[in-house]
């Protein structure tokens, strides 16, 4: 199991442009003033638990291109209230150079294209800018020892505190956790202000109770 990504992943040698993501008809285009951001980090072992043989998720889950722990799900702009900006404008295909540079952070071209189209297009004019900011924010996070945490009973409060202890300037009320219905960790989300500094999560964002049990899948 990886606690860091970049030295363990191997970007595929033949990378094609990432086809642009189109706005689903069911989702509205929302252009709103940005009040802050969410740094959403997915726990890859849990995501890949049932997807190792799924061709759609091969680069992330098969093990052929690396072994991943946390990956960046996305850097999302927020607005005042629960309605956030999204799909702000149509986007073009991402170049192979962009896909290769960001592969160890987001190990699927489809994920990169979706995050750029849905969220990044509301933050920047160029995908290079969006992914540069994303790399800086993701690279600034110090991850606790997830292997050790996974081997003992754990609560949401304890997991938050592990992140707080590892990251100066971070507080428990700045961290949201997403678990599935069986209690397994899926994502850690850090709330950021307009200047990309951690901030207390807004009250409309649902927070998992500190006493809630959290399980961490280490991988098979």
N, C-alpha and C. Protein backbone atom coordinates (compact mmCIF):
# COMPACT_ATOMS: atom_id res chain seq x y z
N UNK A 1 0.84 -1.19 0.00
CA UNK A 1 0.00 0.00 0.00
C UNK A 1 0.87 1.24 0.00
N UNK A 2 0.52 2.23 -0.81
CA UNK A 2 1.33 3.42 -0.94
C UNK A 2 0.87 4.50 0.01
N UNK A 3 1.82 5.20 0.61
CA UNK A 3 1.52 6.41 1.36
C UNK A 3 1.92 7.64 0.56
N UNK A 4 2.59 7.44 -0.55
CA UNK A 4 2.89 8.50 -1.49
C UNK A 4 2.68 7.94 -2.88
N UNK A 5 2.37 8.79 -3.84
CA UNK A 5 2.00 8.31 -5.16
C UNK A 5 3.12 8.41 -6.18
N UNK A 6 3.80 9.53 -6.26
CA UNK A 6 4.57 9.87 -7.46
C UNK A 6 5.68 8.88 -7.76
N UNK A 7 6.36 8.32 -6.75
CA UNK A 7 7.47 7.43 -7.05
C UNK A 7 7.02 6.01 -7.32
N UNK A 8 5.74 5.74 -7.13
CA UNK A 8 5.26 4.38 -7.34
C UNK A 8 4.45 4.24 -8.63
N UNK A 9 4.01 5.34 -9.19
CA UNK A 9 3.20 5.23 -10.39
C UNK A 9 4.07 5.33 -11.64
N UNK A 10 3.53 4.80 -12.73
CA UNK A 10 4.22 4.83 -14.01
C UNK A 10 3.21 5.26 -15.05
N UNK A 11 3.35 6.49 -15.52
CA UNK A 11 2.43 6.96 -16.55
C UNK A 11 2.57 6.10 -17.79
N UNK A 12 1.47 5.66 -18.39
CA UNK A 12 1.55 4.84 -19.60
C UNK A 12 2.40 5.52 -20.66
N UNK A 13 3.17 4.74 -21.39
CA UNK A 13 4.09 5.31 -22.38
C UNK A 13 3.35 5.92 -23.56
N UNK A 14 2.21 5.36 -23.91
CA UNK A 14 1.42 5.88 -25.02
C UNK A 14 0.16 6.53 -24.46
N UNK A 15 0.15 7.84 -24.43
CA UNK A 15 -0.98 8.57 -23.88
C UNK A 15 -1.65 9.37 -24.99
N UNK A 16 -2.94 9.18 -25.12
CA UNK A 16 -3.72 9.91 -26.11
C UNK A 16 -4.34 11.16 -25.46
N UNK A 17 -4.72 12.14 -26.26
CA UNK A 17 -5.43 13.29 -25.68
C UNK A 17 -6.68 12.82 -24.94
N UNK A 18 -6.97 13.47 -23.81
CA UNK A 18 -8.16 13.11 -23.04
C UNK A 18 -9.37 13.81 -23.64
N UNK A 19 -10.30 13.02 -24.14
CA UNK A 19 -11.49 13.60 -24.78
C UNK A 19 -12.21 14.55 -23.85
N UNK A 20 -12.71 15.66 -24.37
CA UNK A 20 -13.39 16.62 -23.50
C UNK A 20 -14.66 16.03 -22.89
N UNK A 21 -14.93 16.41 -21.65
CA UNK A 21 -16.16 15.98 -20.99
C UNK A 21 -17.27 16.96 -21.32
N UNK A 22 -18.40 16.43 -21.70
CA UNK A 22 -19.55 17.27 -22.01
C UNK A 22 -20.50 17.32 -20.82
N UNK A 23 -21.11 18.46 -20.63
CA UNK A 23 -22.06 18.63 -19.53
C UNK A 23 -23.24 17.70 -19.72
N UNK A 24 -23.53 16.85 -18.72
CA UNK A 24 -24.74 16.02 -18.82
C UNK A 24 -25.99 16.88 -18.89
N UNK A 25 -26.95 16.43 -19.65
CA UNK A 25 -28.19 17.20 -19.79
C UNK A 25 -28.90 17.38 -18.45
N UNK A 26 -28.67 16.46 -17.52
CA UNK A 26 -29.35 16.52 -16.22
C UNK A 26 -28.71 17.51 -15.25
N UNK A 27 -27.52 18.03 -15.60
CA UNK A 27 -26.82 18.94 -14.69
C UNK A 27 -26.80 20.35 -15.25
N UNK A 28 -27.19 21.34 -14.45
CA UNK A 28 -27.23 22.72 -14.95
C UNK A 28 -25.84 23.34 -15.02
N UNK A 29 -25.70 24.33 -15.88
CA UNK A 29 -24.50 25.15 -15.91
C UNK A 29 -24.70 26.28 -14.91
N UNK A 30 -23.78 26.38 -13.93
CA UNK A 30 -23.92 27.41 -12.89
C UNK A 30 -22.65 28.24 -12.81
N UNK A 31 -22.79 29.53 -13.07
CA UNK A 31 -21.69 30.47 -12.94
C UNK A 31 -21.99 31.37 -11.75
N UNK A 32 -21.22 31.20 -10.68
CA UNK A 32 -21.49 31.90 -9.43
C UNK A 32 -20.18 32.42 -8.85
N UNK A 33 -20.23 33.47 -8.02
CA UNK A 33 -19.01 33.94 -7.35
C UNK A 33 -18.44 32.85 -6.46
N UNK A 34 -17.12 32.70 -6.48
CA UNK A 34 -16.45 31.67 -5.69
C UNK A 34 -16.15 32.19 -4.30
N UNK A 35 -16.57 31.44 -3.29
CA UNK A 35 -16.34 31.83 -1.89
C UNK A 35 -15.26 30.99 -1.22
N UNK A 36 -14.83 29.93 -1.85
CA UNK A 36 -13.82 29.03 -1.29
C UNK A 36 -13.71 27.81 -2.17
N UNK A 37 -13.03 26.80 -1.65
CA UNK A 37 -12.76 25.60 -2.44
C UNK A 37 -12.82 24.36 -1.55
N UNK A 38 -12.97 23.22 -2.18
CA UNK A 38 -12.86 21.92 -1.52
C UNK A 38 -11.78 21.11 -2.21
N UNK A 39 -10.82 20.63 -1.42
CA UNK A 39 -9.80 19.72 -1.92
C UNK A 39 -10.27 18.31 -1.58
N UNK A 40 -10.74 17.58 -2.59
CA UNK A 40 -11.32 16.26 -2.38
C UNK A 40 -10.32 15.18 -2.77
N UNK A 41 -9.96 14.33 -1.81
CA UNK A 41 -8.94 13.30 -2.01
C UNK A 41 -9.56 11.93 -1.80
N UNK A 42 -9.49 11.10 -2.81
CA UNK A 42 -10.12 9.79 -2.79
C UNK A 42 -9.14 8.73 -2.29
N UNK A 43 -9.65 7.82 -1.42
CA UNK A 43 -8.83 6.72 -0.92
C UNK A 43 -8.89 5.59 -1.93
N UNK A 44 -7.85 5.46 -2.74
CA UNK A 44 -7.86 4.57 -3.89
C UNK A 44 -8.06 3.10 -3.55
N UNK A 45 -7.46 2.56 -2.46
CA UNK A 45 -7.69 1.14 -2.17
C UNK A 45 -9.17 0.78 -2.04
N UNK A 46 -9.96 1.65 -1.44
CA UNK A 46 -11.39 1.37 -1.31
C UNK A 46 -12.09 1.50 -2.66
N UNK A 47 -11.74 2.55 -3.42
CA UNK A 47 -12.35 2.73 -4.74
C UNK A 47 -12.08 1.53 -5.63
N UNK A 48 -10.86 1.01 -5.57
CA UNK A 48 -10.45 -0.07 -6.47
C UNK A 48 -10.81 -1.46 -5.94
N UNK A 49 -11.37 -1.50 -4.77
CA UNK A 49 -11.66 -2.78 -4.12
C UNK A 49 -12.48 -3.71 -5.01
N UNK A 50 -13.44 -3.17 -5.73
CA UNK A 50 -14.29 -3.99 -6.60
C UNK A 50 -14.09 -3.64 -8.08
N UNK A 51 -13.00 -2.93 -8.39
CA UNK A 51 -12.81 -2.45 -9.76
C UNK A 51 -11.48 -2.91 -10.38
N UNK A 52 -10.79 -3.85 -9.76
CA UNK A 52 -9.47 -4.24 -10.25
C UNK A 52 -9.51 -4.80 -11.67
N UNK A 53 -10.59 -5.44 -12.03
CA UNK A 53 -10.70 -6.05 -13.35
C UNK A 53 -11.60 -5.24 -14.29
N UNK A 54 -11.90 -4.01 -13.89
CA UNK A 54 -12.77 -3.16 -14.70
C UNK A 54 -11.91 -2.36 -15.67
N UNK A 55 -12.10 -2.57 -16.95
CA UNK A 55 -11.27 -1.92 -17.97
C UNK A 55 -11.37 -0.40 -17.89
N UNK A 56 -12.50 0.10 -17.46
CA UNK A 56 -12.69 1.55 -17.39
C UNK A 56 -11.76 2.19 -16.36
N UNK A 57 -11.38 1.42 -15.34
CA UNK A 57 -10.54 1.95 -14.26
C UNK A 57 -9.17 1.28 -14.24
N UNK A 58 -8.73 0.76 -15.39
CA UNK A 58 -7.51 -0.02 -15.45
C UNK A 58 -6.29 0.75 -14.95
N UNK A 59 -6.11 1.99 -15.39
CA UNK A 59 -4.88 2.71 -15.04
C UNK A 59 -4.78 2.97 -13.54
N UNK A 60 -5.92 3.11 -12.87
CA UNK A 60 -5.89 3.35 -11.43
C UNK A 60 -5.89 2.06 -10.62
N UNK A 61 -6.59 1.05 -11.09
CA UNK A 61 -6.89 -0.09 -10.22
C UNK A 61 -6.21 -1.41 -10.57
N UNK A 62 -5.70 -1.56 -11.78
CA UNK A 62 -5.14 -2.86 -12.15
C UNK A 62 -3.80 -3.15 -11.50
N UNK A 63 -3.08 -2.10 -11.11
CA UNK A 63 -1.73 -2.27 -10.59
C UNK A 63 -0.66 -2.19 -11.67
N UNK A 64 -1.06 -2.17 -12.93
CA UNK A 64 -0.08 -2.13 -14.02
C UNK A 64 0.65 -0.80 -14.10
N UNK A 65 -0.02 0.27 -13.68
CA UNK A 65 0.56 1.61 -13.78
C UNK A 65 0.93 2.19 -12.42
N UNK A 66 0.85 1.38 -11.39
CA UNK A 66 1.25 1.85 -10.07
C UNK A 66 0.27 1.43 -9.00
N UNK A 67 0.68 1.69 -7.77
CA UNK A 67 -0.14 1.41 -6.60
C UNK A 67 -0.43 2.74 -5.91
N UNK A 68 -1.71 3.04 -5.72
CA UNK A 68 -2.11 4.36 -5.26
C UNK A 68 -2.77 4.31 -3.89
N UNK A 69 -2.50 5.31 -3.10
CA UNK A 69 -3.16 5.48 -1.81
C UNK A 69 -4.19 6.60 -2.01
N UNK A 70 -3.93 7.81 -1.52
CA UNK A 70 -4.81 8.93 -1.82
C UNK A 70 -4.48 9.45 -3.21
N UNK A 71 -5.53 9.71 -3.98
CA UNK A 71 -5.38 10.44 -5.23
C UNK A 71 -6.27 11.68 -5.14
N UNK A 72 -6.04 12.63 -6.02
CA UNK A 72 -6.89 13.81 -6.03
C UNK A 72 -8.15 13.52 -6.82
N UNK A 73 -9.28 13.56 -6.15
CA UNK A 73 -10.55 13.48 -6.87
C UNK A 73 -10.77 14.78 -7.62
N UNK A 74 -10.55 15.89 -6.92
CA UNK A 74 -10.68 17.17 -7.61
C UNK A 74 -10.51 18.35 -6.66
N UNK A 75 -10.24 19.51 -7.24
CA UNK A 75 -10.26 20.78 -6.53
C UNK A 75 -11.51 21.50 -7.01
N UNK A 76 -12.46 21.71 -6.07
CA UNK A 76 -13.78 22.18 -6.45
C UNK A 76 -14.03 23.59 -5.93
N UNK A 77 -14.49 24.51 -6.78
CA UNK A 77 -14.89 25.82 -6.29
C UNK A 77 -16.23 25.74 -5.56
N UNK A 78 -16.35 26.47 -4.48
CA UNK A 78 -17.59 26.54 -3.71
C UNK A 78 -18.18 27.95 -3.82
N UNK A 79 -19.42 28.09 -3.45
CA UNK A 79 -20.10 29.39 -3.41
C UNK A 79 -20.85 29.50 -2.08
N UNK A 80 -21.40 30.66 -1.82
CA UNK A 80 -22.20 30.81 -0.62
C UNK A 80 -23.43 29.90 -0.73
N UNK A 81 -23.65 29.04 0.26
CA UNK A 81 -24.76 28.11 0.20
C UNK A 81 -24.38 26.83 -0.51
N UNK A 82 -25.29 25.88 -0.57
CA UNK A 82 -24.98 24.54 -1.09
C UNK A 82 -24.85 24.45 -2.60
N UNK A 83 -25.28 25.47 -3.34
CA UNK A 83 -25.25 25.44 -4.79
C UNK A 83 -23.91 25.99 -5.28
N UNK A 84 -23.09 25.16 -5.89
CA UNK A 84 -21.73 25.55 -6.26
C UNK A 84 -21.62 25.74 -7.78
N UNK A 85 -20.62 26.52 -8.23
CA UNK A 85 -20.43 26.69 -9.68
C UNK A 85 -19.98 25.39 -10.34
N UNK A 86 -20.46 25.16 -11.56
CA UNK A 86 -20.08 23.95 -12.28
C UNK A 86 -20.33 24.12 -13.77
N UNK A 87 -19.55 23.37 -14.56
CA UNK A 87 -19.71 23.36 -16.03
C UNK A 87 -19.79 24.78 -16.59
N UNK A 88 -18.87 25.63 -16.19
CA UNK A 88 -18.98 27.05 -16.52
C UNK A 88 -18.84 27.33 -18.02
N UNK A 89 -18.12 26.50 -18.74
CA UNK A 89 -18.02 26.70 -20.19
C UNK A 89 -17.53 25.40 -20.83
N UNK A 90 -17.78 25.23 -22.11
CA UNK A 90 -17.29 24.03 -22.81
C UNK A 90 -15.75 24.00 -22.80
N UNK A 91 -15.19 22.81 -22.82
CA UNK A 91 -13.74 22.65 -22.80
C UNK A 91 -13.28 21.78 -23.96
N UNK A 92 -11.99 21.87 -24.24
CA UNK A 92 -11.39 21.07 -25.30
C UNK A 92 -10.67 19.87 -24.71
N UNK A 93 -10.20 19.00 -25.58
CA UNK A 93 -9.45 17.81 -25.15
C UNK A 93 -8.18 18.23 -24.41
N UNK A 94 -7.83 17.48 -23.37
CA UNK A 94 -6.58 17.71 -22.66
C UNK A 94 -5.44 17.08 -23.43
N UNK A 95 -4.33 17.79 -23.53
CA UNK A 95 -3.19 17.29 -24.30
C UNK A 95 -2.54 16.11 -23.59
N UNK A 96 -1.83 15.25 -24.33
CA UNK A 96 -1.08 14.16 -23.69
C UNK A 96 -0.09 14.67 -22.65
N UNK A 97 0.49 15.84 -22.87
CA UNK A 97 1.46 16.38 -21.91
C UNK A 97 0.80 16.68 -20.57
N UNK A 98 -0.41 17.22 -20.59
CA UNK A 98 -1.13 17.51 -19.36
C UNK A 98 -1.49 16.20 -18.65
N UNK A 99 -1.96 15.23 -19.41
CA UNK A 99 -2.34 13.94 -18.82
C UNK A 99 -1.13 13.28 -18.17
N UNK A 100 -0.01 13.28 -18.87
CA UNK A 100 1.19 12.63 -18.34
C UNK A 100 1.69 13.33 -17.08
N UNK A 101 1.70 14.66 -17.08
CA UNK A 101 2.24 15.40 -15.94
C UNK A 101 1.41 15.18 -14.68
N UNK A 102 0.11 14.98 -14.84
CA UNK A 102 -0.77 14.90 -13.67
C UNK A 102 -1.22 13.48 -13.36
N UNK A 103 -0.67 12.51 -14.08
CA UNK A 103 -1.15 11.14 -13.95
C UNK A 103 -0.97 10.58 -12.54
N UNK A 104 0.14 10.85 -11.89
CA UNK A 104 0.37 10.28 -10.56
C UNK A 104 -0.54 10.90 -9.50
N UNK A 105 -1.11 12.04 -9.79
CA UNK A 105 -2.05 12.69 -8.89
C UNK A 105 -3.49 12.25 -9.19
N UNK A 106 -3.82 12.12 -10.46
CA UNK A 106 -5.15 11.72 -10.91
C UNK A 106 -4.96 10.67 -12.00
N UNK A 107 -4.93 9.39 -11.64
CA UNK A 107 -4.47 8.36 -12.56
C UNK A 107 -5.46 7.87 -13.60
N UNK A 108 -6.37 8.73 -14.04
CA UNK A 108 -7.19 8.40 -15.21
C UNK A 108 -7.41 9.68 -16.00
N UNK A 109 -7.25 9.56 -17.31
CA UNK A 109 -7.47 10.72 -18.19
C UNK A 109 -8.93 11.17 -18.13
N UNK A 110 -9.83 10.21 -17.99
CA UNK A 110 -11.25 10.56 -17.93
C UNK A 110 -11.56 11.42 -16.70
N UNK A 111 -10.94 11.07 -15.56
CA UNK A 111 -11.15 11.87 -14.36
C UNK A 111 -10.61 13.28 -14.55
N UNK A 112 -9.43 13.40 -15.14
CA UNK A 112 -8.87 14.73 -15.39
C UNK A 112 -9.80 15.57 -16.25
N UNK A 113 -10.28 14.97 -17.34
CA UNK A 113 -11.14 15.71 -18.26
C UNK A 113 -12.43 16.15 -17.58
N UNK A 114 -13.00 15.28 -16.76
CA UNK A 114 -14.25 15.62 -16.07
C UNK A 114 -14.03 16.72 -15.05
N UNK A 115 -12.96 16.62 -14.27
CA UNK A 115 -12.73 17.63 -13.24
C UNK A 115 -12.41 18.99 -13.85
N UNK A 116 -11.68 19.01 -14.93
CA UNK A 116 -11.40 20.26 -15.61
C UNK A 116 -12.69 20.88 -16.16
N UNK A 117 -13.51 20.08 -16.81
CA UNK A 117 -14.73 20.60 -17.42
C UNK A 117 -15.76 21.04 -16.38
N UNK A 118 -15.96 20.21 -15.36
CA UNK A 118 -17.02 20.51 -14.39
C UNK A 118 -16.61 21.57 -13.38
N UNK A 119 -15.38 21.51 -12.90
CA UNK A 119 -14.95 22.41 -11.82
C UNK A 119 -13.88 23.40 -12.27
N UNK A 120 -12.85 22.91 -12.97
CA UNK A 120 -11.75 23.78 -13.34
C UNK A 120 -12.16 24.91 -14.26
N UNK A 121 -13.13 24.67 -15.14
CA UNK A 121 -13.56 25.71 -16.08
C UNK A 121 -14.18 26.90 -15.37
N UNK A 122 -14.55 26.73 -14.10
CA UNK A 122 -15.11 27.83 -13.30
C UNK A 122 -14.02 28.59 -12.56
N UNK A 123 -12.79 28.08 -12.59
CA UNK A 123 -11.70 28.66 -11.82
C UNK A 123 -10.62 29.29 -12.68
N UNK A 124 -10.43 28.79 -13.89
CA UNK A 124 -9.29 29.22 -14.71
C UNK A 124 -9.66 29.17 -16.18
N UNK A 125 -8.93 29.93 -16.98
CA UNK A 125 -9.16 29.93 -18.42
C UNK A 125 -8.42 28.78 -19.10
N UNK A 126 -7.33 28.34 -18.50
CA UNK A 126 -6.51 27.31 -19.13
C UNK A 126 -6.39 26.10 -18.20
N UNK A 127 -6.42 24.88 -18.76
CA UNK A 127 -6.30 23.69 -17.91
C UNK A 127 -4.96 23.63 -17.19
N UNK A 128 -3.88 24.16 -17.81
CA UNK A 128 -2.58 24.15 -17.16
C UNK A 128 -2.63 24.88 -15.82
N UNK A 129 -3.39 25.97 -15.76
CA UNK A 129 -3.51 26.74 -14.52
C UNK A 129 -4.26 25.95 -13.46
N UNK A 130 -5.36 25.34 -13.86
CA UNK A 130 -6.15 24.56 -12.91
C UNK A 130 -5.35 23.41 -12.33
N UNK A 131 -4.66 22.68 -13.17
CA UNK A 131 -3.91 21.52 -12.68
C UNK A 131 -2.66 21.95 -11.90
N UNK A 132 -2.08 23.08 -12.24
CA UNK A 132 -0.93 23.57 -11.46
C UNK A 132 -1.36 23.89 -10.03
N UNK A 133 -2.48 24.59 -9.88
CA UNK A 133 -2.99 24.89 -8.54
C UNK A 133 -3.35 23.60 -7.81
N UNK A 134 -3.95 22.67 -8.52
CA UNK A 134 -4.33 21.39 -7.92
C UNK A 134 -3.11 20.64 -7.41
N UNK A 135 -2.03 20.63 -8.19
CA UNK A 135 -0.81 19.94 -7.76
C UNK A 135 -0.22 20.59 -6.51
N UNK A 136 -0.24 21.92 -6.48
CA UNK A 136 0.30 22.62 -5.31
C UNK A 136 -0.50 22.26 -4.06
N UNK A 137 -1.82 22.29 -4.16
CA UNK A 137 -2.67 22.03 -2.99
C UNK A 137 -2.58 20.57 -2.55
N UNK A 138 -2.61 19.66 -3.51
CA UNK A 138 -2.52 18.24 -3.17
C UNK A 138 -1.13 17.91 -2.61
N UNK A 139 -0.11 18.50 -3.20
CA UNK A 139 1.25 18.24 -2.75
C UNK A 139 1.56 18.81 -1.39
N UNK A 140 0.77 19.76 -0.93
CA UNK A 140 1.00 20.38 0.38
C UNK A 140 0.47 19.53 1.53
N UNK A 141 -0.39 18.57 1.23
CA UNK A 141 -1.00 17.75 2.29
C UNK A 141 -0.01 16.68 2.75
N UNK A 142 0.18 16.59 4.06
CA UNK A 142 0.96 15.51 4.65
C UNK A 142 -0.02 14.45 5.14
N UNK A 143 0.12 13.24 4.62
CA UNK A 143 -0.83 12.18 4.96
C UNK A 143 -0.33 11.40 6.17
N UNK A 144 -1.22 11.11 7.11
CA UNK A 144 -0.82 10.26 8.25
C UNK A 144 -0.57 8.84 7.79
N UNK A 145 -0.04 8.03 8.68
CA UNK A 145 0.25 6.63 8.37
C UNK A 145 -1.07 5.85 8.31
N UNK A 146 -1.59 5.70 7.10
CA UNK A 146 -2.89 5.07 6.95
C UNK A 146 -2.84 3.57 7.25
N UNK A 147 -1.70 2.95 7.00
CA UNK A 147 -1.56 1.54 7.32
C UNK A 147 -1.73 1.31 8.82
N UNK A 148 -1.07 2.12 9.62
CA UNK A 148 -1.18 1.99 11.07
C UNK A 148 -2.60 2.30 11.54
N UNK A 149 -3.20 3.36 10.98
CA UNK A 149 -4.55 3.71 11.38
C UNK A 149 -5.56 2.62 11.03
N UNK A 150 -5.30 1.90 9.94
CA UNK A 150 -6.25 0.88 9.48
C UNK A 150 -6.26 -0.35 10.37
N UNK A 151 -5.27 -0.51 11.23
CA UNK A 151 -5.11 -1.74 12.00
C UNK A 151 -5.68 -1.67 13.41
N UNK A 152 -6.45 -0.62 13.70
CA UNK A 152 -7.04 -0.50 15.02
C UNK A 152 -8.42 0.14 14.89
N UNK A 153 -9.29 -0.03 15.90
CA UNK A 153 -10.59 0.65 15.85
C UNK A 153 -10.37 2.15 15.73
N UNK A 154 -11.16 2.77 14.87
CA UNK A 154 -10.93 4.17 14.54
C UNK A 154 -12.26 4.92 14.46
N UNK A 155 -12.27 6.15 14.94
CA UNK A 155 -13.44 7.01 14.80
C UNK A 155 -13.12 8.15 13.84
N UNK A 156 -14.16 8.80 13.39
CA UNK A 156 -13.98 9.94 12.50
C UNK A 156 -13.16 11.03 13.19
N UNK A 157 -13.41 11.25 14.47
CA UNK A 157 -12.65 12.25 15.21
C UNK A 157 -11.17 11.91 15.28
N UNK A 158 -10.86 10.65 15.46
CA UNK A 158 -9.45 10.23 15.52
C UNK A 158 -8.77 10.38 14.17
N UNK A 159 -9.48 10.08 13.09
CA UNK A 159 -8.89 10.23 11.77
C UNK A 159 -8.66 11.71 11.46
N UNK A 160 -9.62 12.54 11.81
CA UNK A 160 -9.41 13.98 11.63
C UNK A 160 -8.19 14.45 12.41
N UNK A 161 -8.07 13.99 13.65
CA UNK A 161 -6.95 14.43 14.49
C UNK A 161 -5.62 13.96 13.91
N UNK A 162 -5.60 12.80 13.25
CA UNK A 162 -4.38 12.32 12.62
C UNK A 162 -3.94 13.28 11.51
N UNK A 163 -4.89 13.78 10.75
CA UNK A 163 -4.57 14.77 9.72
C UNK A 163 -4.14 16.10 10.34
N UNK A 164 -4.82 16.50 11.41
CA UNK A 164 -4.46 17.75 12.09
C UNK A 164 -3.03 17.68 12.62
N UNK A 165 -2.68 16.56 13.24
CA UNK A 165 -1.34 16.40 13.82
C UNK A 165 -0.25 16.44 12.75
N UNK A 166 -0.58 16.00 11.54
CA UNK A 166 0.41 15.93 10.47
C UNK A 166 0.52 17.23 9.67
N UNK A 167 -0.46 18.14 9.82
CA UNK A 167 -0.51 19.32 8.97
C UNK A 167 -0.69 20.59 9.79
N UNK A 168 0.32 21.41 9.84
CA UNK A 168 0.26 22.68 10.57
C UNK A 168 -0.79 23.59 9.94
N UNK A 169 -1.60 24.21 10.78
CA UNK A 169 -2.62 25.12 10.30
C UNK A 169 -3.96 24.47 10.00
N UNK A 170 -4.03 23.16 10.14
CA UNK A 170 -5.26 22.44 9.87
C UNK A 170 -5.97 22.14 11.19
N UNK A 171 -7.29 22.30 11.21
CA UNK A 171 -8.10 22.00 12.39
C UNK A 171 -9.17 20.98 12.01
N UNK A 172 -9.70 20.30 13.01
CA UNK A 172 -10.65 19.23 12.76
C UNK A 172 -11.90 19.72 12.03
N UNK A 173 -12.33 20.96 12.32
CA UNK A 173 -13.55 21.47 11.68
C UNK A 173 -13.32 21.91 10.24
N UNK A 174 -12.12 21.70 9.74
CA UNK A 174 -11.80 22.00 8.34
C UNK A 174 -11.79 20.74 7.48
N UNK A 175 -12.10 19.60 8.09
CA UNK A 175 -11.96 18.31 7.41
C UNK A 175 -13.30 17.59 7.37
N UNK A 176 -13.73 17.23 6.17
CA UNK A 176 -14.92 16.41 6.00
C UNK A 176 -14.50 15.02 5.56
N UNK A 177 -15.20 14.02 6.05
CA UNK A 177 -14.93 12.64 5.69
C UNK A 177 -16.14 12.04 4.98
N UNK A 178 -15.88 11.27 3.97
CA UNK A 178 -16.94 10.55 3.28
C UNK A 178 -16.70 9.06 3.44
N UNK A 179 -17.67 8.35 3.98
CA UNK A 179 -17.60 6.90 4.11
C UNK A 179 -18.80 6.30 3.40
N UNK A 180 -18.70 5.03 3.02
CA UNK A 180 -19.84 4.40 2.39
C UNK A 180 -20.78 3.82 3.44
N UNK A 181 -21.81 3.16 3.00
CA UNK A 181 -22.84 2.68 3.94
C UNK A 181 -22.32 1.60 4.87
N UNK A 182 -21.21 0.98 4.50
CA UNK A 182 -20.60 -0.04 5.36
C UNK A 182 -19.54 0.53 6.28
N UNK A 183 -19.34 1.84 6.22
CA UNK A 183 -18.42 2.49 7.14
C UNK A 183 -16.98 2.57 6.66
N UNK A 184 -16.72 2.22 5.39
CA UNK A 184 -15.36 2.27 4.86
C UNK A 184 -15.05 3.65 4.30
N UNK A 185 -13.86 4.15 4.58
CA UNK A 185 -13.45 5.47 4.13
C UNK A 185 -13.39 5.53 2.61
N UNK A 186 -14.01 6.56 2.03
CA UNK A 186 -13.95 6.80 0.59
C UNK A 186 -13.15 8.06 0.26
N UNK A 187 -13.39 9.13 1.03
CA UNK A 187 -12.71 10.39 0.71
C UNK A 187 -12.42 11.20 1.96
N UNK A 188 -11.37 12.02 1.87
CA UNK A 188 -11.08 13.08 2.83
C UNK A 188 -11.16 14.39 2.07
N UNK A 189 -11.92 15.34 2.59
CA UNK A 189 -12.11 16.62 1.91
C UNK A 189 -11.72 17.76 2.85
N UNK A 190 -10.86 18.63 2.37
CA UNK A 190 -10.39 19.77 3.16
C UNK A 190 -11.01 21.04 2.61
N UNK A 191 -11.60 21.84 3.48
CA UNK A 191 -12.22 23.09 3.09
C UNK A 191 -11.17 24.19 3.03
N UNK A 192 -11.21 24.98 1.96
CA UNK A 192 -10.24 26.05 1.73
C UNK A 192 -10.95 27.37 1.49
N UNK A 193 -10.30 28.45 1.90
CA UNK A 193 -10.83 29.79 1.66
C UNK A 193 -10.48 30.28 0.27
N UNK A 194 -10.82 31.52 -0.02
CA UNK A 194 -10.56 32.08 -1.35
C UNK A 194 -9.07 32.15 -1.66
N UNK A 195 -8.25 32.27 -0.62
CA UNK A 195 -6.81 32.30 -0.81
C UNK A 195 -6.16 30.93 -0.73
N UNK A 196 -6.97 29.87 -0.78
CA UNK A 196 -6.52 28.48 -0.76
C UNK A 196 -5.88 28.08 0.58
N UNK A 197 -6.19 28.81 1.64
CA UNK A 197 -5.76 28.41 2.98
C UNK A 197 -6.89 27.62 3.63
N UNK A 198 -6.57 26.59 4.44
CA UNK A 198 -7.62 25.83 5.10
C UNK A 198 -8.53 26.72 5.94
N UNK A 199 -9.82 26.42 5.91
CA UNK A 199 -10.78 27.19 6.70
C UNK A 199 -11.84 26.25 7.26
N UNK A 200 -12.57 26.73 8.23
CA UNK A 200 -13.67 25.95 8.79
C UNK A 200 -14.70 25.66 7.71
N UNK A 201 -15.15 24.42 7.65
CA UNK A 201 -16.13 24.05 6.64
C UNK A 201 -17.45 24.77 6.90
N UNK A 202 -18.09 25.29 5.86
CA UNK A 202 -19.37 25.97 6.03
C UNK A 202 -20.42 25.07 6.68
N UNK A 203 -21.36 25.68 7.35
CA UNK A 203 -22.35 24.93 8.12
C UNK A 203 -23.25 24.07 7.24
N UNK A 204 -23.44 24.45 5.98
CA UNK A 204 -24.33 23.66 5.12
C UNK A 204 -23.68 22.37 4.63
N UNK A 205 -22.38 22.22 4.84
CA UNK A 205 -21.71 20.99 4.42
C UNK A 205 -21.82 19.94 5.51
N UNK A 206 -22.30 18.78 5.16
CA UNK A 206 -22.53 17.71 6.13
C UNK A 206 -21.21 17.18 6.67
N UNK A 207 -21.11 17.06 8.01
CA UNK A 207 -19.91 16.56 8.66
C UNK A 207 -20.22 15.24 9.35
N UNK A 208 -19.39 14.25 9.14
CA UNK A 208 -19.54 12.97 9.82
C UNK A 208 -19.22 13.16 11.30
N UNK A 209 -20.07 12.65 12.17
CA UNK A 209 -19.90 12.81 13.60
C UNK A 209 -18.58 12.23 14.10
N UNK A 210 -17.97 12.89 15.06
CA UNK A 210 -16.66 12.47 15.56
C UNK A 210 -16.67 11.05 16.13
N UNK A 211 -17.80 10.62 16.65
CA UNK A 211 -17.87 9.29 17.26
C UNK A 211 -18.19 8.18 16.26
N UNK A 212 -18.42 8.55 15.01
CA UNK A 212 -18.74 7.55 13.99
C UNK A 212 -17.54 6.67 13.71
N UNK A 213 -17.76 5.37 13.61
CA UNK A 213 -16.68 4.44 13.30
C UNK A 213 -16.27 4.58 11.84
N UNK A 214 -14.97 4.52 11.59
CA UNK A 214 -14.43 4.59 10.23
C UNK A 214 -13.48 3.41 10.04
N UNK A 215 -13.66 2.70 8.94
CA UNK A 215 -12.77 1.60 8.58
C UNK A 215 -11.95 1.97 7.35
N UNK A 216 -10.70 1.54 7.31
CA UNK A 216 -9.82 1.86 6.19
C UNK A 216 -9.38 0.56 5.51
N UNK A 217 -9.73 0.42 4.25
CA UNK A 217 -9.36 -0.77 3.49
C UNK A 217 -7.92 -0.60 3.00
N UNK A 218 -7.06 -1.55 3.33
CA UNK A 218 -5.64 -1.46 2.97
C UNK A 218 -5.36 -2.02 1.57
N UNK A 219 -6.28 -2.77 1.06
CA UNK A 219 -6.04 -3.42 -0.22
C UNK A 219 -5.73 -4.89 -0.03
N UNK A 220 -6.01 -5.66 -1.05
CA UNK A 220 -5.80 -7.11 -0.97
C UNK A 220 -4.32 -7.44 -1.09
